[in-house]
């Protein structure tokens, strides 16, 4: 089953983060019940992969001011059929930042989130079932802004609330400060 690796990662995440059981259960149920969960064509929602990408000192996180959503977010995007969500997160981080020297901090899921995406053109409102991994940029940390972004910025993890108010972003900052 192409969903089995993700289901195992999510089950492990659920055990490691009991305060997030409700979200983990919803994500697990979505993956179990939708064999096409990695496809953008699943109109009710789909799996996305995101990167909490910190600098080499682990003090700043690279955020994108997302062109379509008009807010600061972590790097990430659609799986587009790929069932290796870790690879999706890495690919999106590289595509959206232009950085190539990126290393995985740990192979377990760093965070999960389920959030609505507004209707746009022919696409109805739907959910992103976002699976997030922690990465570190090593080497040259000069980024390139992609077409998907208005801007990119290295933002201090301490004080992230001065830039974003999104609860899931602040939760990731808190996690990073505790275990990063």
N, C-alpha and C. Protein backbone atom coordinates (compact mmCIF):
# COMPACT_ATOMS: atom_id res chain seq x y z
N UNK A 1 0.85 -1.19 0.00
CA UNK A 1 0.00 0.00 0.00
C UNK A 1 0.89 1.25 0.00
N UNK A 2 0.69 2.12 -0.97
CA UNK A 2 1.52 3.31 -1.09
C UNK A 2 1.31 4.30 0.05
N UNK A 3 0.26 4.13 0.83
CA UNK A 3 -0.02 5.03 1.95
C UNK A 3 0.60 4.53 3.26
N UNK A 4 1.06 3.30 3.28
CA UNK A 4 1.54 2.69 4.52
C UNK A 4 2.69 3.48 5.18
N UNK A 5 3.73 3.91 4.44
CA UNK A 5 4.79 4.69 5.11
C UNK A 5 4.27 5.95 5.80
N UNK A 6 3.36 6.67 5.14
CA UNK A 6 2.80 7.87 5.75
C UNK A 6 1.96 7.51 6.97
N UNK A 7 1.15 6.46 6.86
CA UNK A 7 0.35 6.03 8.01
C UNK A 7 1.23 5.68 9.20
N UNK A 8 2.36 5.04 8.96
CA UNK A 8 3.28 4.69 10.05
C UNK A 8 3.89 5.95 10.67
N UNK A 9 4.29 6.91 9.83
CA UNK A 9 4.83 8.17 10.34
C UNK A 9 3.78 8.90 11.18
N UNK A 10 2.55 8.91 10.71
CA UNK A 10 1.48 9.59 11.43
C UNK A 10 1.14 8.90 12.75
N UNK A 11 1.14 7.58 12.76
CA UNK A 11 0.88 6.84 14.01
C UNK A 11 1.97 7.14 15.03
N UNK A 12 3.21 7.20 14.58
CA UNK A 12 4.32 7.55 15.47
C UNK A 12 4.16 8.98 15.99
N UNK A 13 3.80 9.90 15.11
CA UNK A 13 3.59 11.29 15.50
C UNK A 13 2.50 11.39 16.56
N UNK A 14 1.43 10.66 16.35
CA UNK A 14 0.31 10.65 17.29
C UNK A 14 0.76 10.23 18.68
N UNK A 15 1.62 9.22 18.75
CA UNK A 15 2.14 8.77 20.04
C UNK A 15 3.07 9.79 20.67
N UNK A 16 3.87 10.46 19.86
CA UNK A 16 4.84 11.42 20.37
C UNK A 16 4.20 12.75 20.78
N UNK A 17 3.01 13.03 20.25
CA UNK A 17 2.36 14.33 20.50
C UNK A 17 0.92 14.12 20.93
N UNK A 18 0.70 13.61 22.13
CA UNK A 18 -0.66 13.31 22.57
C UNK A 18 -1.59 14.53 22.60
N UNK A 19 -1.06 15.72 22.73
CA UNK A 19 -1.90 16.91 22.74
C UNK A 19 -2.52 17.18 21.36
N UNK A 20 -1.97 16.54 20.34
CA UNK A 20 -2.46 16.75 18.97
C UNK A 20 -3.21 15.53 18.42
N UNK A 21 -3.74 14.71 19.32
CA UNK A 21 -4.42 13.48 18.93
C UNK A 21 -5.58 13.73 17.98
N UNK A 22 -6.37 14.75 18.22
CA UNK A 22 -7.54 15.01 17.37
C UNK A 22 -7.11 15.27 15.93
N UNK A 23 -6.14 16.13 15.73
CA UNK A 23 -5.66 16.43 14.38
C UNK A 23 -5.01 15.20 13.76
N UNK A 24 -4.20 14.50 14.54
CA UNK A 24 -3.54 13.29 14.02
C UNK A 24 -4.57 12.25 13.60
N UNK A 25 -5.62 12.07 14.40
CA UNK A 25 -6.67 11.11 14.05
C UNK A 25 -7.38 11.51 12.76
N UNK A 26 -7.66 12.80 12.59
CA UNK A 26 -8.32 13.27 11.38
C UNK A 26 -7.44 13.03 10.16
N UNK A 27 -6.15 13.29 10.30
CA UNK A 27 -5.24 13.09 9.18
C UNK A 27 -5.09 11.60 8.87
N UNK A 28 -4.95 10.78 9.90
CA UNK A 28 -4.89 9.33 9.70
C UNK A 28 -6.13 8.81 8.99
N UNK A 29 -7.29 9.25 9.43
CA UNK A 29 -8.55 8.81 8.83
C UNK A 29 -8.63 9.23 7.36
N UNK A 30 -8.20 10.46 7.07
CA UNK A 30 -8.22 10.94 5.69
C UNK A 30 -7.35 10.06 4.80
N UNK A 31 -6.14 9.76 5.26
CA UNK A 31 -5.22 8.94 4.46
C UNK A 31 -5.77 7.52 4.29
N UNK A 32 -6.29 6.96 5.38
CA UNK A 32 -6.84 5.60 5.32
C UNK A 32 -8.02 5.50 4.36
N UNK A 33 -8.85 6.52 4.32
CA UNK A 33 -10.10 6.46 3.55
C UNK A 33 -10.01 6.98 2.12
N UNK A 34 -8.86 7.52 1.74
CA UNK A 34 -8.73 8.11 0.40
C UNK A 34 -7.47 7.60 -0.28
N UNK A 35 -7.62 6.58 -1.10
CA UNK A 35 -6.45 6.02 -1.78
C UNK A 35 -5.76 7.04 -2.67
N UNK A 36 -6.49 8.08 -3.10
CA UNK A 36 -5.93 9.13 -3.94
C UNK A 36 -5.60 10.40 -3.14
N UNK A 37 -5.27 10.23 -1.87
CA UNK A 37 -5.03 11.37 -0.98
C UNK A 37 -3.84 12.24 -1.41
N UNK A 38 -2.94 11.70 -2.23
CA UNK A 38 -1.77 12.47 -2.68
C UNK A 38 -2.04 13.26 -3.95
N UNK A 39 -3.24 13.13 -4.50
CA UNK A 39 -3.58 13.77 -5.77
C UNK A 39 -4.33 15.08 -5.56
N UNK A 40 -3.90 16.10 -6.24
CA UNK A 40 -4.57 17.39 -6.17
C UNK A 40 -5.99 17.31 -6.73
N UNK A 41 -6.25 16.31 -7.55
CA UNK A 41 -7.58 16.14 -8.14
C UNK A 41 -8.63 15.70 -7.13
N UNK A 42 -8.21 15.26 -5.94
CA UNK A 42 -9.17 14.94 -4.87
C UNK A 42 -9.68 16.27 -4.33
N UNK A 43 -10.87 16.66 -4.75
CA UNK A 43 -11.35 18.02 -4.54
C UNK A 43 -11.69 18.37 -3.10
N UNK A 44 -11.96 17.37 -2.26
CA UNK A 44 -12.27 17.69 -0.86
C UNK A 44 -11.01 18.09 -0.08
N UNK A 45 -9.86 17.65 -0.56
CA UNK A 45 -8.59 17.95 0.09
C UNK A 45 -7.53 16.99 -0.36
N UNK A 46 -6.29 17.25 0.03
CA UNK A 46 -5.18 16.41 -0.37
C UNK A 46 -3.97 16.65 0.53
N UNK A 47 -3.04 15.72 0.46
CA UNK A 47 -1.82 15.79 1.25
C UNK A 47 -0.89 16.84 0.66
N UNK A 48 -0.30 17.63 1.54
CA UNK A 48 0.75 18.56 1.17
C UNK A 48 1.96 18.30 2.07
N UNK A 49 3.12 18.68 1.61
CA UNK A 49 4.34 18.53 2.39
C UNK A 49 4.99 19.87 2.60
N UNK A 50 5.42 20.15 3.82
CA UNK A 50 6.01 21.44 4.14
C UNK A 50 7.34 21.28 4.86
N UNK A 51 8.12 22.35 4.79
CA UNK A 51 9.46 22.37 5.39
C UNK A 51 9.58 23.50 6.40
N UNK A 52 9.88 23.14 7.64
CA UNK A 52 10.32 24.10 8.64
C UNK A 52 11.83 24.17 8.41
N UNK A 53 12.27 25.17 7.67
CA UNK A 53 13.66 25.27 7.22
C UNK A 53 14.38 26.34 8.02
N UNK A 54 15.31 25.90 8.87
CA UNK A 54 16.07 26.83 9.70
C UNK A 54 17.45 27.07 9.09
N UNK A 55 18.07 28.16 9.52
CA UNK A 55 19.43 28.46 9.06
C UNK A 55 20.43 27.54 9.77
N UNK A 56 21.69 27.66 9.42
CA UNK A 56 22.69 26.75 9.99
C UNK A 56 22.89 26.93 11.48
N UNK A 57 22.52 28.07 12.04
CA UNK A 57 22.60 28.29 13.48
C UNK A 57 21.32 27.91 14.22
N UNK A 58 20.30 27.52 13.46
CA UNK A 58 18.99 27.14 14.00
C UNK A 58 18.25 28.28 14.69
N UNK A 59 18.60 29.51 14.37
CA UNK A 59 17.99 30.67 15.03
C UNK A 59 16.90 31.34 14.19
N UNK A 60 16.93 31.12 12.89
CA UNK A 60 15.98 31.75 11.97
C UNK A 60 15.31 30.69 11.11
N UNK A 61 14.07 30.95 10.73
CA UNK A 61 13.33 30.06 9.84
C UNK A 61 13.05 30.82 8.54
N UNK A 62 13.15 30.12 7.42
CA UNK A 62 12.88 30.76 6.13
C UNK A 62 11.39 30.69 5.85
N UNK A 63 10.78 31.86 5.70
CA UNK A 63 9.34 31.96 5.43
C UNK A 63 9.12 32.58 4.06
N UNK A 64 8.00 32.21 3.47
CA UNK A 64 7.58 32.79 2.21
C UNK A 64 6.34 33.64 2.46
N UNK A 65 6.31 34.80 1.84
CA UNK A 65 5.07 35.57 1.81
C UNK A 65 4.34 35.07 0.58
N UNK A 66 3.40 34.16 0.80
CA UNK A 66 2.74 33.40 -0.26
C UNK A 66 1.91 34.31 -1.15
N UNK A 67 2.15 34.23 -2.44
CA UNK A 67 1.48 35.12 -3.40
C UNK A 67 -0.04 34.94 -3.40
N UNK A 68 -0.52 33.70 -3.44
CA UNK A 68 -1.97 33.46 -3.53
C UNK A 68 -2.68 33.68 -2.21
N UNK A 69 -2.05 33.28 -1.10
CA UNK A 69 -2.71 33.39 0.20
C UNK A 69 -2.41 34.71 0.91
N UNK A 70 -1.42 35.45 0.42
CA UNK A 70 -1.07 36.77 0.93
C UNK A 70 -0.76 36.77 2.43
N UNK A 71 0.06 35.80 2.84
CA UNK A 71 0.50 35.76 4.24
C UNK A 71 1.81 34.98 4.34
N UNK A 72 2.48 35.17 5.47
CA UNK A 72 3.75 34.49 5.72
C UNK A 72 3.49 33.04 6.13
N UNK A 73 4.21 32.12 5.49
CA UNK A 73 4.06 30.69 5.76
C UNK A 73 5.42 29.99 5.63
N UNK A 74 5.46 28.76 6.10
CA UNK A 74 6.62 27.91 5.85
C UNK A 74 6.58 27.49 4.38
N UNK A 75 7.70 27.03 3.85
CA UNK A 75 7.76 26.55 2.48
C UNK A 75 7.02 25.23 2.37
N UNK A 76 6.37 24.99 1.25
CA UNK A 76 5.67 23.72 1.08
C UNK A 76 4.73 23.74 -0.10
N UNK A 77 4.15 22.55 -0.37
CA UNK A 77 3.23 22.47 -1.49
C UNK A 77 2.63 21.10 -1.67
N UNK A 78 1.97 20.94 -2.80
CA UNK A 78 1.21 19.73 -3.12
C UNK A 78 2.11 18.53 -3.36
N UNK A 79 1.60 17.36 -2.99
CA UNK A 79 2.31 16.11 -3.25
C UNK A 79 2.27 15.77 -4.74
N UNK A 80 1.18 16.15 -5.41
CA UNK A 80 1.02 15.89 -6.84
C UNK A 80 1.30 14.43 -7.20
N UNK A 81 0.73 13.54 -6.40
CA UNK A 81 0.83 12.11 -6.67
C UNK A 81 1.98 11.40 -6.00
N UNK A 82 2.94 12.13 -5.49
CA UNK A 82 4.09 11.50 -4.83
C UNK A 82 3.71 11.09 -3.41
N UNK A 83 3.96 9.84 -3.06
CA UNK A 83 3.57 9.35 -1.73
C UNK A 83 4.68 9.50 -0.68
N UNK A 84 5.87 9.92 -1.08
CA UNK A 84 6.96 10.18 -0.13
C UNK A 84 6.88 11.65 0.29
N UNK A 85 6.15 11.90 1.36
CA UNK A 85 5.86 13.28 1.76
C UNK A 85 7.12 14.00 2.23
N UNK A 86 8.06 13.28 2.80
CA UNK A 86 9.35 13.88 3.17
C UNK A 86 10.03 14.44 1.92
N UNK A 87 10.02 13.66 0.85
CA UNK A 87 10.62 14.12 -0.40
C UNK A 87 9.85 15.31 -0.97
N UNK A 88 8.53 15.31 -0.81
CA UNK A 88 7.71 16.45 -1.26
C UNK A 88 8.14 17.71 -0.52
N UNK A 89 8.30 17.62 0.80
CA UNK A 89 8.69 18.78 1.60
C UNK A 89 10.07 19.30 1.18
N UNK A 90 11.01 18.39 0.96
CA UNK A 90 12.35 18.79 0.53
C UNK A 90 12.30 19.43 -0.85
N UNK A 91 11.58 18.81 -1.77
CA UNK A 91 11.47 19.36 -3.13
C UNK A 91 10.89 20.77 -3.10
N UNK A 92 9.81 20.95 -2.33
CA UNK A 92 9.17 22.26 -2.25
C UNK A 92 10.11 23.30 -1.63
N UNK A 93 10.85 22.91 -0.61
CA UNK A 93 11.80 23.84 0.01
C UNK A 93 12.85 24.28 -1.00
N UNK A 94 13.35 23.34 -1.78
CA UNK A 94 14.37 23.69 -2.78
C UNK A 94 13.78 24.54 -3.90
N UNK A 95 12.61 24.15 -4.40
CA UNK A 95 11.99 24.90 -5.50
C UNK A 95 11.61 26.32 -5.08
N UNK A 96 11.10 26.46 -3.87
CA UNK A 96 10.60 27.78 -3.44
C UNK A 96 11.70 28.69 -2.92
N UNK A 97 12.86 28.14 -2.61
CA UNK A 97 13.93 28.97 -2.05
C UNK A 97 15.17 29.08 -2.93
N UNK A 98 15.34 28.13 -3.83
CA UNK A 98 16.57 28.09 -4.63
C UNK A 98 17.75 27.52 -3.87
N UNK A 99 17.55 27.18 -2.59
CA UNK A 99 18.63 26.59 -1.79
C UNK A 99 18.77 25.11 -2.16
N UNK A 100 20.00 24.66 -2.26
CA UNK A 100 20.22 23.25 -2.59
C UNK A 100 20.89 22.49 -1.45
N UNK A 101 21.61 23.19 -0.59
CA UNK A 101 22.29 22.53 0.53
C UNK A 101 21.37 22.51 1.75
N UNK A 102 20.49 21.51 1.76
CA UNK A 102 19.50 21.37 2.83
C UNK A 102 19.62 19.98 3.40
N UNK A 103 19.70 19.90 4.73
CA UNK A 103 19.77 18.58 5.36
C UNK A 103 18.57 18.37 6.27
N UNK A 104 18.16 17.12 6.35
CA UNK A 104 17.05 16.74 7.20
C UNK A 104 17.51 16.75 8.66
N UNK A 105 16.72 17.36 9.53
CA UNK A 105 17.07 17.40 10.95
C UNK A 105 16.74 16.06 11.60
N UNK A 106 15.56 15.55 11.32
CA UNK A 106 15.16 14.20 11.80
C UNK A 106 14.13 13.64 10.85
N UNK A 107 14.08 12.31 10.76
CA UNK A 107 13.23 11.68 9.76
C UNK A 107 11.78 11.51 10.21
N UNK A 108 11.48 11.92 11.43
CA UNK A 108 10.10 11.87 11.90
C UNK A 108 9.38 13.16 11.53
N UNK A 109 8.06 13.11 11.54
CA UNK A 109 7.26 14.30 11.25
C UNK A 109 7.49 15.34 12.35
N UNK A 110 7.71 16.58 11.95
CA UNK A 110 7.91 17.68 12.89
C UNK A 110 6.58 18.26 13.35
N UNK A 111 5.62 18.36 12.45
CA UNK A 111 4.33 18.97 12.78
C UNK A 111 3.31 18.55 11.73
N UNK A 112 2.04 18.65 12.08
CA UNK A 112 0.95 18.41 11.14
C UNK A 112 -0.07 19.52 11.30
N UNK A 113 -0.84 19.73 10.25
CA UNK A 113 -1.89 20.74 10.32
C UNK A 113 -2.91 20.44 9.23
N UNK A 114 -4.15 20.73 9.52
CA UNK A 114 -5.23 20.64 8.54
C UNK A 114 -5.85 22.02 8.46
N UNK A 115 -5.82 22.61 7.28
CA UNK A 115 -6.33 23.97 7.14
C UNK A 115 -7.07 24.15 5.82
N UNK A 116 -8.07 25.02 5.83
CA UNK A 116 -8.85 25.25 4.61
C UNK A 116 -8.11 26.17 3.64
N UNK A 117 -8.31 25.89 2.36
CA UNK A 117 -7.78 26.72 1.29
C UNK A 117 -8.99 27.31 0.56
N UNK A 118 -9.04 28.62 0.40
CA UNK A 118 -10.21 29.24 -0.22
C UNK A 118 -10.38 28.82 -1.68
N UNK A 119 -11.62 28.87 -2.14
CA UNK A 119 -11.92 28.59 -3.55
C UNK A 119 -11.17 29.59 -4.42
N UNK A 120 -10.74 29.09 -5.58
CA UNK A 120 -10.00 29.95 -6.50
C UNK A 120 -10.21 29.42 -7.91
N UNK A 121 -10.69 30.26 -8.79
CA UNK A 121 -10.98 29.89 -10.18
C UNK A 121 -11.85 28.64 -10.20
N UNK A 122 -11.40 27.55 -10.84
CA UNK A 122 -12.21 26.34 -10.95
C UNK A 122 -12.04 25.40 -9.76
N UNK A 123 -11.23 25.79 -8.80
CA UNK A 123 -10.93 24.95 -7.64
C UNK A 123 -11.81 25.34 -6.47
N UNK A 124 -12.61 24.39 -5.95
CA UNK A 124 -13.47 24.72 -4.81
C UNK A 124 -12.65 24.85 -3.52
N UNK A 125 -13.26 25.43 -2.51
CA UNK A 125 -12.61 25.42 -1.20
C UNK A 125 -12.34 23.97 -0.82
N UNK A 126 -11.17 23.74 -0.23
CA UNK A 126 -10.78 22.37 0.13
C UNK A 126 -9.81 22.42 1.30
N UNK A 127 -9.41 21.26 1.78
CA UNK A 127 -8.49 21.17 2.91
C UNK A 127 -7.11 20.72 2.45
N UNK A 128 -6.10 21.30 3.09
CA UNK A 128 -4.74 20.79 2.95
C UNK A 128 -4.41 20.02 4.22
N UNK A 129 -4.07 18.77 4.04
CA UNK A 129 -3.63 17.90 5.12
C UNK A 129 -2.11 17.96 5.08
N UNK A 130 -1.55 18.88 5.85
CA UNK A 130 -0.15 19.25 5.73
C UNK A 130 0.73 18.45 6.69
N UNK A 131 1.76 17.82 6.12
CA UNK A 131 2.73 17.04 6.88
C UNK A 131 4.05 17.79 6.78
N UNK A 132 4.62 18.13 7.94
CA UNK A 132 5.76 19.04 7.98
C UNK A 132 7.00 18.36 8.57
N UNK A 133 8.13 18.63 7.94
CA UNK A 133 9.41 18.08 8.38
C UNK A 133 10.38 19.22 8.65
N UNK A 134 11.32 18.98 9.56
CA UNK A 134 12.32 20.00 9.91
C UNK A 134 13.59 19.77 9.11
N UNK A 135 14.09 20.86 8.52
CA UNK A 135 15.31 20.85 7.72
C UNK A 135 16.21 21.99 8.18
N UNK A 136 17.49 21.85 7.83
CA UNK A 136 18.47 22.91 8.11
C UNK A 136 19.18 23.25 6.81
N UNK A 137 19.28 24.54 6.52
CA UNK A 137 20.05 25.00 5.38
C UNK A 137 21.52 25.05 5.80
N UNK A 138 22.36 24.45 5.02
CA UNK A 138 23.80 24.47 5.30
C UNK A 138 24.49 25.09 4.09
N UNK A 139 25.65 25.65 4.31
CA UNK A 139 26.34 26.31 3.19
C UNK A 139 25.72 27.66 2.89
N UNK A 140 25.72 28.01 1.62
CA UNK A 140 25.21 29.31 1.18
C UNK A 140 23.72 29.41 1.48
N UNK A 141 23.32 30.46 2.18
CA UNK A 141 21.92 30.62 2.57
C UNK A 141 21.24 31.78 1.87
N UNK A 142 21.81 32.18 0.74
CA UNK A 142 21.17 33.22 -0.07
C UNK A 142 20.09 32.55 -0.91
N UNK A 143 18.87 32.99 -0.74
CA UNK A 143 17.72 32.37 -1.40
C UNK A 143 17.35 33.13 -2.67
N UNK A 144 16.50 32.49 -3.46
CA UNK A 144 15.93 33.08 -4.68
C UNK A 144 14.42 33.02 -4.52
N UNK A 145 13.74 34.12 -4.77
CA UNK A 145 12.28 34.19 -4.63
C UNK A 145 11.64 33.58 -5.88
N UNK A 146 10.78 32.58 -5.67
CA UNK A 146 10.10 31.92 -6.79
C UNK A 146 8.83 32.69 -7.17
N UNK A 147 8.20 32.24 -8.25
CA UNK A 147 6.96 32.86 -8.71
C UNK A 147 5.82 32.70 -7.72
N UNK A 148 5.93 31.73 -6.80
CA UNK A 148 4.86 31.47 -5.85
C UNK A 148 4.87 32.44 -4.67
N UNK A 149 5.93 33.24 -4.58
CA UNK A 149 6.11 34.11 -3.41
C UNK A 149 6.18 35.57 -3.80
N UNK A 150 5.71 36.40 -2.88
CA UNK A 150 5.97 37.84 -2.99
C UNK A 150 7.37 38.14 -2.47
N UNK A 151 7.73 37.45 -1.38
CA UNK A 151 9.03 37.65 -0.72
C UNK A 151 9.40 36.38 0.01
N UNK A 152 10.67 36.27 0.36
CA UNK A 152 11.18 35.29 1.30
C UNK A 152 11.97 36.06 2.34
N UNK A 153 12.04 35.50 3.55
CA UNK A 153 12.81 36.16 4.60
C UNK A 153 13.23 35.15 5.65
N UNK A 154 14.46 35.31 6.14
CA UNK A 154 14.91 34.57 7.32
C UNK A 154 14.38 35.33 8.52
N UNK A 155 13.48 34.70 9.27
CA UNK A 155 12.79 35.34 10.39
C UNK A 155 13.26 34.68 11.68
N UNK A 156 13.61 35.47 12.71
CA UNK A 156 14.02 34.87 13.98
C UNK A 156 12.92 33.98 14.55
N UNK A 157 13.31 32.79 14.98
CA UNK A 157 12.33 31.88 15.60
C UNK A 157 11.82 32.50 16.89
N UNK A 158 12.74 33.05 17.69
CA UNK A 158 12.32 33.77 18.89
C UNK A 158 11.76 35.11 18.44
N UNK A 159 10.50 35.33 18.70
CA UNK A 159 9.84 36.54 18.25
C UNK A 159 9.07 36.35 16.95
N UNK A 160 8.87 35.10 16.53
CA UNK A 160 8.12 34.84 15.30
C UNK A 160 6.73 35.48 15.36
N UNK A 161 6.18 35.58 16.57
CA UNK A 161 4.84 36.15 16.72
C UNK A 161 4.79 37.62 16.30
N UNK A 162 5.94 38.27 16.13
CA UNK A 162 5.96 39.64 15.63
C UNK A 162 5.69 39.70 14.13
N UNK A 163 5.83 38.54 13.45
CA UNK A 163 5.66 38.49 12.01
C UNK A 163 4.39 37.73 11.61
N UNK A 164 4.09 36.65 12.33
CA UNK A 164 2.92 35.82 12.01
C UNK A 164 2.07 35.63 13.25
N UNK A 165 0.78 35.44 13.02
CA UNK A 165 -0.13 35.15 14.13
C UNK A 165 -0.78 33.77 13.97
N UNK A 166 -0.47 33.09 12.89
CA UNK A 166 -1.03 31.78 12.62
C UNK A 166 -0.63 30.80 13.72
N UNK A 167 -1.64 30.16 14.31
CA UNK A 167 -1.39 29.26 15.45
C UNK A 167 -0.45 28.11 15.10
N UNK A 168 -0.58 27.56 13.90
CA UNK A 168 0.29 26.43 13.56
C UNK A 168 1.74 26.87 13.38
N UNK A 169 1.95 28.06 12.87
CA UNK A 169 3.32 28.59 12.73
C UNK A 169 3.93 28.81 14.11
N UNK A 170 3.15 29.38 15.01
CA UNK A 170 3.65 29.62 16.37
C UNK A 170 3.90 28.31 17.11
N UNK A 171 3.07 27.30 16.85
CA UNK A 171 3.27 25.99 17.44
C UNK A 171 4.60 25.39 16.97
N UNK A 172 4.91 25.55 15.68
CA UNK A 172 6.19 25.02 15.18
C UNK A 172 7.36 25.76 15.81
N UNK A 173 7.24 27.06 15.98
CA UNK A 173 8.32 27.82 16.63
C UNK A 173 8.54 27.32 18.05
N UNK A 174 7.44 27.10 18.76
CA UNK A 174 7.53 26.60 20.14
C UNK A 174 8.19 25.22 20.17
N UNK A 175 7.79 24.36 19.25
CA UNK A 175 8.41 23.03 19.18
C UNK A 175 9.90 23.14 18.90
N UNK A 176 10.24 24.01 17.96
CA UNK A 176 11.65 24.14 17.60
C UNK A 176 12.48 24.63 18.78
N UNK A 177 11.95 25.59 19.51
CA UNK A 177 12.68 26.11 20.66
C UNK A 177 12.84 25.08 21.76
N UNK A 178 11.90 24.13 21.85
CA UNK A 178 11.98 23.08 22.87
C UNK A 178 12.92 21.95 22.47
N UNK A 179 12.92 21.58 21.17
CA UNK A 179 13.68 20.40 20.77
C UNK A 179 14.69 20.65 19.68
N UNK A 180 14.62 21.80 19.02
CA UNK A 180 15.49 22.07 17.86
C UNK A 180 16.91 21.99 18.19
